[in-house]
Structure formats: C-alpha cells, structure tokens
C-alpha cells in the first residue's frame, strides 16, 4: 500500500513544478527483486523499487514487445539529488544547465543562498522512445554502426558532464592534483570521431589519437581554471601549491595526460567499457527479437542495469557513479530514437530547495511538458 503522506508529497512535487492536477503516476515493482523504499520523482511520479532497475526493465520490455506501445503519459526517467552550499552549486551547475537547455537563472538563485541547497535534476523521455530498440540491426549489418554512432556520441557527451559533476561535489578532491587534473582534462576532451564505422570511443592505448585530441582541450581548460581558483579559495580547501590550478599549469597537465597516465586511462577505459555494454545489449535485443522462443525482458533489463552499475562503480577513484546507470540508458535511448526518426528530446526539470528557508525554485527546459 502507498500511504497518504507519500501521495501528498507526490502532489506537492507536481504543484511545485507547475504541472496540472492529474492522477499520480505510480510504478509498482516489475521484477522479483525486493521492494525498495518508495521514491518520489521531482515531477510527482512514485516508484516502489530501485528506480534504475525499473527504467532498464521498462525499456527492455518495450523493446521486446511485438504489439502496440506505451501511453503518451508514460516516461523513462532518471533523477539525481544532491545537497551542497549555494556557492558550490553555482560552480557545479553551469555545464549541466548548458547540456539540458535549462535557464541560467538557477545560478543566481543558488548563489544568493549561503546555506545548504538541495538540487534535484530529473531527466525523462517519453517511453515510446524505447520502441526504437525494436529496429536495431544485427552487428554484421552496416546499419548497426549507423544506429550506434549517435548513441556513442551521446554517451561521451553526457559522461563529460555527469562524471565531473559528481566527482567535484566535494571540493576537497582538488587537494589531490593527481586525481583532479585527469577529470578536468576529460571534461573538455571532445567525443571521439573516426572514419572507421566500428570505432566508437577512445582507445586508451592509442596515444597518438589522444595526443591529437588534447590540442582541442586547451582553450576551454584555460577558461575553466579561471573559474576554479576563486571558487577553491572560497571553499577553504588547502592546496599543496596555491598556483596548482593556474593557467600556466594547463600545458604541463596536458603534456602529462598525453602520456595517458593510469588515472586518465582509467576514465577512458570506463567510457569504452560502458559503450561495450550498450553494444552487447543491442546485440541481445536483436537476437531476442529474431528468436522463436520468448525472451525474458525483466531478466535482460536487470542485467544491463547491473552491468552498467558495476562498470560505473569502478570508473574513477572511489567516487560513487553507480546511480548514473539509468542516465546512460535514457540518453542512449533518446539518441537512438533520434537516429530512427523518433523525435524525443530529453526533458529536464531542476528542483532547487533552500534547506534554511524551505524556499523552492523549479526550472524546466523547453522540451519539458506536463
């Protein structure tokens, strides 16, 4: 049973977001896994199991079904909630706002609140976007690579926003330059492009390609360190060298990354393996749809969620990237749907709540609808 307090919370979220009154969307467990604590998304949807596993299972169920599709009001979702000082969020949010077309006024709002602020970001796409997986080609067909290249690009673009966003939530990581610089460089490394259809991401062992790509990192990284230094000074983090993140340190840092040290290689390898998991999933979907025996969608959905989560767990240092698995699935599905002519841009909603005053600010991107 869902208690009245949970339903009231869901209704408040819809009201805060300016969404019209409607029956609350309730997602019951769709697997044999234990029921997780109820979770209310920023748009008022309620999920009674692990939200990442739910997204993966729903997506796979739709991909493998042979008839019909989901109602227009059904969505694949990912939500991330973090609490930090307003000044920290003012540093962290710009790239996220740019990625999802959210209004810049969020920066002014959080910066004006010196205490703790909770930022909840919801990404969602209509569930019908998952129907694009029904048309995935076989791995030996040229069309397979045409379909997966946009997925690879979307994966790389989203990881360059989300991994630094999570990793730099704690300003203390800047006290360890050997950990901070590889992530900073990765953030501004352009997604991999190749003339070969089957090459999707950077090969950590291909130093020549990485060295060439690092030239494009110089201008944005020079601008980034201008933002970093005053922000670190405000946080009070003690640096081993006060000029560690100055512009003069950018060339030596890039020279070091050109040798592909262990930390930098770790991120690139994680990116490569995450895409390998998506390739494997694509092949499994294609094989299952052609098989005469009925596949088990919930098992396949649980497996892809587990694979991505495990790979994210080992992505970089000791940061907890595991919750980003459904983000990858939402972004990948939106990219594949776009390649198949199903226009489903990612809808984004940012809910900010000042912990001291309980003030709430909700912002949405142009694609978001009730």
Protein backbone atom coordinates (compact mmCIF):
# COMPACT_ATOMS: atom_id res chain seq x y z
CA UNK A 1 0.00 0.00 0.00
CA UNK A 2 1.08 3.59 -0.66
CA UNK A 3 0.36 5.80 2.34
CA UNK A 4 -1.38 9.15 2.13
CA UNK A 5 1.78 11.07 3.16
CA UNK A 6 3.63 9.72 0.12
CA UNK A 7 0.79 10.64 -2.20
CA UNK A 8 0.63 14.12 -0.65
CA UNK A 9 4.38 14.53 -1.26
CA UNK A 10 3.93 13.49 -4.88
CA UNK A 11 1.09 16.00 -5.29
CA UNK A 12 3.26 18.78 -3.82
CA UNK A 13 6.05 17.98 -6.26
CA UNK A 14 3.63 18.32 -9.17
CA UNK A 15 2.34 21.60 -7.78
CA UNK A 16 5.90 22.95 -7.27
CA UNK A 17 6.70 22.06 -10.87
CA UNK A 18 3.59 23.85 -12.13
CA UNK A 19 2.20 20.63 -13.55
CA UNK A 20 -1.57 20.30 -13.92
CA UNK A 21 -3.53 18.20 -11.45
CA UNK A 22 -3.83 14.64 -12.70
CA UNK A 23 -3.77 11.08 -11.36
CA UNK A 24 -0.33 10.43 -9.85
CA UNK A 25 1.82 8.05 -11.89
CA UNK A 26 2.62 5.01 -9.76
CA UNK A 27 5.25 2.43 -10.75
CA UNK A 28 4.91 -0.92 -8.98
CA UNK A 29 7.79 -3.41 -8.81
CA UNK A 30 8.25 -5.21 -12.14
CA UNK A 31 10.82 -7.78 -11.06
CA UNK A 32 11.41 -10.38 -8.40
CA UNK A 33 13.85 -8.09 -6.59
CA UNK A 34 12.89 -6.90 -3.09
CA UNK A 35 10.73 -3.79 -2.97
CA UNK A 36 12.88 -0.70 -2.36
CA UNK A 37 11.89 2.31 -0.27
CA UNK A 38 9.35 4.43 -2.18
CA UNK A 39 10.84 7.24 -4.21
CA UNK A 40 9.06 10.35 -5.42
CA UNK A 41 10.47 11.96 -8.55
CA UNK A 42 10.52 15.77 -8.94
CA UNK A 43 7.56 15.52 -11.35
CA UNK A 44 5.45 13.60 -8.83
CA UNK A 45 5.87 10.04 -10.16
CA UNK A 46 6.20 7.38 -7.44
CA UNK A 47 8.42 4.30 -7.83
CA UNK A 48 8.29 1.36 -5.42
CA UNK A 49 11.51 -0.36 -6.49
CA UNK A 50 15.05 0.60 -7.43
CA UNK A 51 14.42 3.40 -9.97
CA UNK A 52 17.42 2.43 -12.13
CA UNK A 53 16.34 -1.19 -12.44
CA UNK A 54 12.79 -0.04 -13.17
CA UNK A 55 13.95 2.17 -16.06
CA UNK A 56 16.05 -0.65 -17.55
CA UNK A 57 13.26 -3.23 -17.23
CA UNK A 58 10.56 -0.96 -18.67
CA UNK A 59 12.83 -0.02 -21.59
CA UNK A 60 13.63 -3.67 -22.35
CA UNK A 61 10.01 -4.73 -22.03
CA UNK A 62 9.00 -2.16 -24.65
CA UNK A 63 11.94 -3.06 -26.90
CA UNK A 64 10.99 -6.73 -26.97
CA UNK A 65 7.22 -6.37 -27.23
CA UNK A 66 5.77 -7.01 -30.68
CA UNK A 67 2.49 -5.15 -30.44
CA UNK A 68 1.39 -1.66 -29.51
CA UNK A 69 3.25 0.83 -27.41
CA UNK A 70 3.08 2.71 -24.11
CA UNK A 71 0.63 5.56 -23.42
CA UNK A 72 1.87 9.07 -24.18
CA UNK A 73 1.90 9.87 -20.45
CA UNK A 74 4.47 7.15 -19.67
CA UNK A 75 8.17 8.08 -19.31
CA UNK A 76 11.63 6.63 -18.84
CA UNK A 77 13.21 8.60 -16.00
CA UNK A 78 16.47 9.37 -14.23
CA UNK A 79 16.78 11.64 -11.20
CA UNK A 80 19.78 12.86 -9.22
CA UNK A 81 19.55 14.66 -5.87
CA UNK A 82 22.46 16.32 -4.09
CA UNK A 83 22.85 18.82 -1.27
CA UNK A 84 25.65 21.39 -1.21
CA UNK A 85 26.22 25.03 -0.38
CA UNK A 86 24.75 27.53 -2.78
CA UNK A 87 28.23 28.68 -3.82
CA UNK A 88 29.32 25.14 -4.59
CA UNK A 89 26.24 24.56 -6.74
CA UNK A 90 26.84 27.87 -8.52
CA UNK A 91 30.18 26.43 -9.63
CA UNK A 92 28.82 22.96 -10.46
CA UNK A 93 25.62 23.73 -12.37
CA UNK A 94 26.62 25.75 -15.49
CA UNK A 95 27.70 22.75 -17.61
CA UNK A 96 24.58 20.84 -16.56
CA UNK A 97 22.31 23.76 -17.47
CA UNK A 98 24.02 24.07 -20.87
CA UNK A 99 23.72 20.34 -21.57
CA UNK A 100 19.97 20.23 -21.00
CA UNK A 101 18.93 23.75 -22.01
CA UNK A 102 17.88 24.83 -18.52
CA UNK A 103 17.62 28.56 -17.62
CA UNK A 104 20.73 30.30 -16.28
CA UNK A 105 18.70 31.95 -13.52
CA UNK A 106 19.37 28.83 -11.46
CA UNK A 107 22.94 30.11 -10.87
CA UNK A 108 21.77 33.42 -9.42
CA UNK A 109 19.18 31.68 -7.25
CA UNK A 110 21.61 29.25 -5.59
CA UNK A 111 24.40 31.82 -5.29
CA UNK A 112 22.10 34.10 -3.30
CA UNK A 113 21.57 31.37 -0.69
CA UNK A 114 24.66 30.94 1.51
CA UNK A 115 23.39 27.83 3.30
CA UNK A 116 22.73 24.34 2.03
CA UNK A 117 20.65 23.86 -1.11
CA UNK A 118 19.24 20.58 -2.41
CA UNK A 119 19.36 20.26 -6.19
CA UNK A 120 17.19 17.55 -7.77
CA UNK A 121 17.58 17.11 -11.50
CA UNK A 122 15.07 14.99 -13.41
CA UNK A 123 15.69 13.73 -16.94
CA UNK A 124 12.90 11.94 -18.78
CA UNK A 125 11.85 10.91 -22.26
CA UNK A 126 8.52 9.51 -23.46
CA UNK A 127 8.56 5.75 -23.01
CA UNK A 128 7.66 5.33 -26.68
CA UNK A 129 11.28 6.26 -27.46
CA UNK A 130 12.21 2.73 -26.34
CA UNK A 131 10.40 1.41 -29.42
CA UNK A 132 13.50 2.48 -31.38
CA UNK A 133 15.30 -0.55 -29.93
CA UNK A 134 12.87 -2.77 -31.84
CA UNK A 135 14.56 -1.77 -35.09
CA UNK A 136 18.15 -2.36 -34.01
CA UNK A 137 20.08 -4.11 -36.78
CA UNK A 138 22.37 -7.10 -36.44
CA UNK A 139 26.05 -6.42 -35.55
CA UNK A 140 27.21 -7.60 -39.00
CA UNK A 141 24.99 -5.13 -40.81
CA UNK A 142 26.26 -1.67 -41.80
CA UNK A 143 23.10 -0.11 -40.41
CA UNK A 144 24.04 -1.36 -36.94
CA UNK A 145 27.00 1.00 -36.80
CA UNK A 146 24.96 3.87 -38.25
CA UNK A 147 22.47 3.42 -35.43
CA UNK A 148 25.06 3.09 -32.66
CA UNK A 149 27.32 6.02 -33.57
CA UNK A 150 24.82 8.63 -32.26
CA UNK A 151 24.48 6.52 -29.12
CA UNK A 152 28.26 6.57 -28.63
CA UNK A 153 28.39 10.34 -29.12
CA UNK A 154 25.57 10.90 -26.63
CA UNK A 155 27.24 8.63 -24.09
CA UNK A 156 30.51 10.55 -24.30
CA UNK A 157 28.84 13.95 -24.16
CA UNK A 158 26.74 13.06 -21.12
CA UNK A 159 29.62 11.42 -19.24
CA UNK A 160 31.72 14.56 -19.70
CA UNK A 161 29.03 16.47 -17.84
CA UNK A 162 27.95 13.95 -15.21
CA UNK A 163 31.25 12.42 -14.09
CA UNK A 164 32.84 15.81 -13.21
CA UNK A 165 29.53 16.96 -11.65
CA UNK A 166 29.57 14.01 -9.26
CA UNK A 167 33.34 13.88 -8.71
CA UNK A 168 33.79 17.56 -7.88
CA UNK A 169 30.83 17.75 -5.49
CA UNK A 170 33.40 17.59 -2.71
CA UNK A 171 35.88 20.45 -3.24
CA UNK A 172 38.47 18.54 -1.20
CA UNK A 173 39.29 16.41 -4.26
CA UNK A 174 41.17 19.44 -5.62
CA UNK A 175 43.69 18.95 -2.83
CA UNK A 176 44.88 15.90 -4.81
CA UNK A 177 46.02 17.21 -8.24
CA UNK A 178 46.82 13.69 -9.48
CA UNK A 179 43.10 12.91 -9.13
CA UNK A 180 41.62 16.28 -10.15
CA UNK A 181 43.60 17.04 -13.33
CA UNK A 182 42.68 13.88 -15.29
CA UNK A 183 38.98 14.52 -14.64
CA UNK A 184 39.32 18.19 -15.60
CA UNK A 185 41.00 17.28 -18.88
CA UNK A 186 38.44 14.55 -19.60
CA UNK A 187 35.60 17.03 -19.04
CA UNK A 188 36.71 19.08 -22.05
CA UNK A 189 38.00 16.28 -24.29
CA UNK A 190 35.88 16.24 -27.44
CA UNK A 191 33.96 13.00 -28.14
CA UNK A 192 35.84 10.53 -30.30
CA UNK A 193 35.33 10.61 -34.07
CA UNK A 194 36.68 8.09 -36.54
CA UNK A 195 36.41 7.25 -40.22
CA UNK A 196 36.00 3.58 -39.27
CA UNK A 197 32.41 2.54 -38.60
CA UNK A 198 33.22 0.17 -35.73
CA UNK A 199 35.35 2.68 -33.76
CA UNK A 200 33.19 4.49 -31.23
CA UNK A 201 35.32 5.70 -28.31
CA UNK A 202 38.95 6.49 -27.50
CA UNK A 203 41.30 3.54 -27.16
CA UNK A 204 43.39 4.21 -24.00
CA UNK A 205 46.36 2.55 -25.75
CA UNK A 206 46.19 4.82 -28.82
CA UNK A 207 48.41 7.62 -27.57
CA UNK A 208 48.67 9.27 -30.99
CA UNK A 209 44.91 9.81 -31.26
CA UNK A 210 44.68 11.04 -27.67
CA UNK A 211 47.62 13.41 -28.10
CA UNK A 212 45.98 14.90 -31.18
CA UNK A 213 42.64 15.33 -29.40
CA UNK A 214 44.25 17.09 -26.42
CA UNK A 215 45.02 20.17 -28.53
CA UNK A 216 41.30 20.95 -28.55
CA UNK A 217 41.21 20.92 -24.75
CA UNK A 218 43.48 23.94 -24.31
CA UNK A 219 41.02 26.86 -24.84
CA UNK A 220 38.14 25.56 -22.66
CA UNK A 221 40.52 24.36 -19.94
CA UNK A 222 42.22 27.77 -19.76
CA UNK A 223 38.79 29.32 -19.19
CA UNK A 224 37.88 26.67 -16.61
CA UNK A 225 40.86 27.30 -14.35
CA UNK A 226 39.80 30.96 -14.21
CA UNK A 227 36.60 29.75 -12.56
CA UNK A 228 38.29 27.18 -10.35
CA UNK A 229 40.82 29.32 -8.49
CA UNK A 230 38.44 31.83 -6.87
CA UNK A 231 35.95 29.08 -6.09
CA UNK A 232 38.56 26.91 -4.36
CA UNK A 233 39.72 29.94 -2.39
CA UNK A 234 36.15 30.44 -1.11
CA UNK A 235 35.84 26.80 -0.07
CA UNK A 236 38.92 26.99 2.14
CA UNK A 237 40.48 23.85 0.66
CA UNK A 238 44.23 23.73 1.33
CA UNK A 239 46.23 23.12 -1.84
CA UNK A 240 49.78 21.72 -1.89
CA UNK A 241 50.62 24.60 -4.24
CA UNK A 242 48.45 27.77 -4.39
CA UNK A 243 49.14 28.02 -8.14
CA UNK A 244 48.26 24.38 -8.83
CA UNK A 245 45.21 25.35 -10.92
CA UNK A 246 46.59 28.44 -12.63
CA UNK A 247 46.65 28.85 -16.40
CA UNK A 248 50.39 28.21 -16.51
CA UNK A 249 49.73 24.70 -15.21
CA UNK A 250 47.49 23.79 -18.15
CA UNK A 251 50.26 22.94 -20.69
CA UNK A 252 52.18 20.69 -18.24
CA UNK A 253 48.92 18.96 -17.26
CA UNK A 254 48.07 18.25 -20.90
CA UNK A 255 51.62 17.05 -21.55
CA UNK A 256 51.17 14.61 -18.69
CA UNK A 257 47.79 13.41 -19.99
CA UNK A 258 49.34 12.83 -23.44
CA UNK A 259 51.36 10.04 -21.81
CA UNK A 260 48.00 8.55 -20.73
CA UNK A 261 48.81 8.01 -17.05
CA UNK A 262 46.84 5.46 -15.02
CA UNK A 263 44.18 7.88 -13.77
CA UNK A 264 43.44 9.29 -17.23
CA UNK A 265 43.48 5.84 -18.79
CA UNK A 266 41.03 4.67 -16.11
CA UNK A 267 38.37 7.16 -17.23
CA UNK A 268 38.83 6.41 -20.93
CA UNK A 269 38.71 2.67 -20.29
CA UNK A 270 35.50 3.05 -18.28
CA UNK A 271 33.93 5.02 -21.13
CA UNK A 272 34.98 2.35 -23.61
CA UNK A 273 33.56 -0.45 -21.46
CA UNK A 274 30.27 1.35 -20.88
CA UNK A 275 29.77 1.57 -24.63
CA UNK A 276 30.74 -2.08 -25.00
CA UNK A 277 27.90 -2.89 -22.61
CA UNK A 278 25.47 -0.91 -24.76
CA UNK A 279 26.72 -2.75 -27.86
CA UNK A 280 26.20 -6.07 -26.14
CA UNK A 281 22.72 -5.04 -25.08
CA UNK A 282 21.89 -4.00 -28.66
CA UNK A 283 23.02 -7.39 -29.96
CA UNK A 284 20.95 -9.17 -27.31
CA UNK A 285 17.84 -7.18 -28.24
CA UNK A 286 18.33 -8.01 -31.94
CA UNK A 287 18.89 -11.70 -31.21
CA UNK A 288 15.93 -11.93 -28.83
CA UNK A 289 13.54 -10.35 -31.33
CA UNK A 290 14.56 -12.85 -34.00
CA UNK A 291 14.43 -15.88 -31.70
CA UNK A 292 11.43 -18.16 -31.79
CA UNK A 293 11.45 -18.71 -28.03
CA UNK A 294 10.10 -15.93 -25.83
CA UNK A 295 12.86 -13.83 -24.22
CA UNK A 296 12.74 -12.71 -20.59
CA UNK A 297 12.63 -8.88 -20.69
CA UNK A 298 12.87 -8.36 -16.92
CA UNK A 299 16.00 -10.51 -16.72
CA UNK A 300 17.60 -8.66 -19.65
CA UNK A 301 16.69 -5.29 -18.15
CA UNK A 302 18.11 -6.22 -14.77
CA UNK A 303 21.30 -7.46 -16.43
CA UNK A 304 22.02 -4.28 -18.40
CA UNK A 305 21.36 -2.18 -15.31
CA UNK A 306 23.72 -4.35 -13.24
CA UNK A 307 26.46 -4.29 -15.90
CA UNK A 308 26.40 -0.52 -16.24
CA UNK A 309 26.25 -0.02 -12.46
CA UNK A 310 29.21 -2.32 -11.86
CA UNK A 311 31.29 -0.61 -14.55
CA UNK A 312 30.41 2.82 -13.13
CA UNK A 313 31.40 1.65 -9.64
CA UNK A 314 34.96 1.16 -10.91
CA UNK A 315 35.01 4.18 -13.22
CA UNK A 316 37.32 6.52 -11.33
CA UNK A 317 38.93 6.71 -7.89
CA UNK A 318 36.38 5.96 -5.18
CA UNK A 319 33.57 8.18 -6.47
CA UNK A 320 30.06 6.73 -6.42
CA UNK A 321 28.96 6.84 -10.06
CA UNK A 322 26.69 3.78 -9.85
CA UNK A 323 23.43 5.78 -9.70
CA UNK A 324 24.19 7.16 -13.19
CA UNK A 325 23.26 3.88 -14.92
CA UNK A 326 19.67 4.95 -15.77
CA UNK A 327 21.01 8.30 -17.05
CA UNK A 328 23.07 6.37 -19.60
CA UNK A 329 20.01 4.37 -20.68
CA UNK A 330 17.83 7.47 -21.03
CA UNK A 331 20.49 9.32 -23.04
CA UNK A 332 21.24 6.27 -25.21
CA UNK A 333 17.56 5.67 -25.95
CA UNK A 334 16.96 9.32 -26.84
CA UNK A 335 19.95 9.25 -29.22
CA UNK A 336 18.85 6.01 -30.87
CA UNK A 337 15.27 7.25 -31.23
CA UNK A 338 16.54 10.43 -32.87
CA UNK A 339 18.62 8.39 -35.32
CA UNK A 340 15.50 6.37 -36.16
CA UNK A 341 13.40 9.50 -36.79
CA UNK A 342 11.52 9.38 -33.48
CA UNK A 343 11.97 12.90 -32.13
CA UNK A 344 12.20 12.59 -28.35
CA UNK A 345 14.46 15.28 -26.87
CA UNK A 346 15.40 14.82 -23.24
CA UNK A 347 13.02 16.68 -20.93
CA UNK A 348 14.74 18.23 -17.91
CA UNK A 349 13.39 19.61 -14.64
CA UNK A 350 15.60 21.15 -11.95
CA UNK A 351 14.13 21.49 -8.46
CA UNK A 352 16.11 23.64 -6.01
CA UNK A 353 15.23 23.79 -2.32
CA UNK A 354 16.90 26.04 0.24
CA UNK A 355 17.29 23.97 3.40
CA UNK A 356 17.28 27.02 5.67
CA UNK A 357 14.18 28.80 4.39
CA UNK A 358 12.37 25.90 2.62
CA UNK A 359 12.09 28.11 -0.50
CA UNK A 360 11.65 26.10 -3.69
CA UNK A 361 12.60 27.02 -7.23
CA UNK A 362 11.64 24.80 -10.18
CA UNK A 363 13.05 25.29 -13.67
CA UNK A 364 12.38 23.30 -16.83
CA UNK A 365 13.85 23.17 -20.33
CA UNK A 366 11.80 23.97 -23.47
CA UNK A 367 11.21 20.27 -24.19
CA UNK A 368 9.53 19.65 -20.83
CA UNK A 369 5.75 19.22 -20.87
CA UNK A 370 3.12 18.30 -18.30
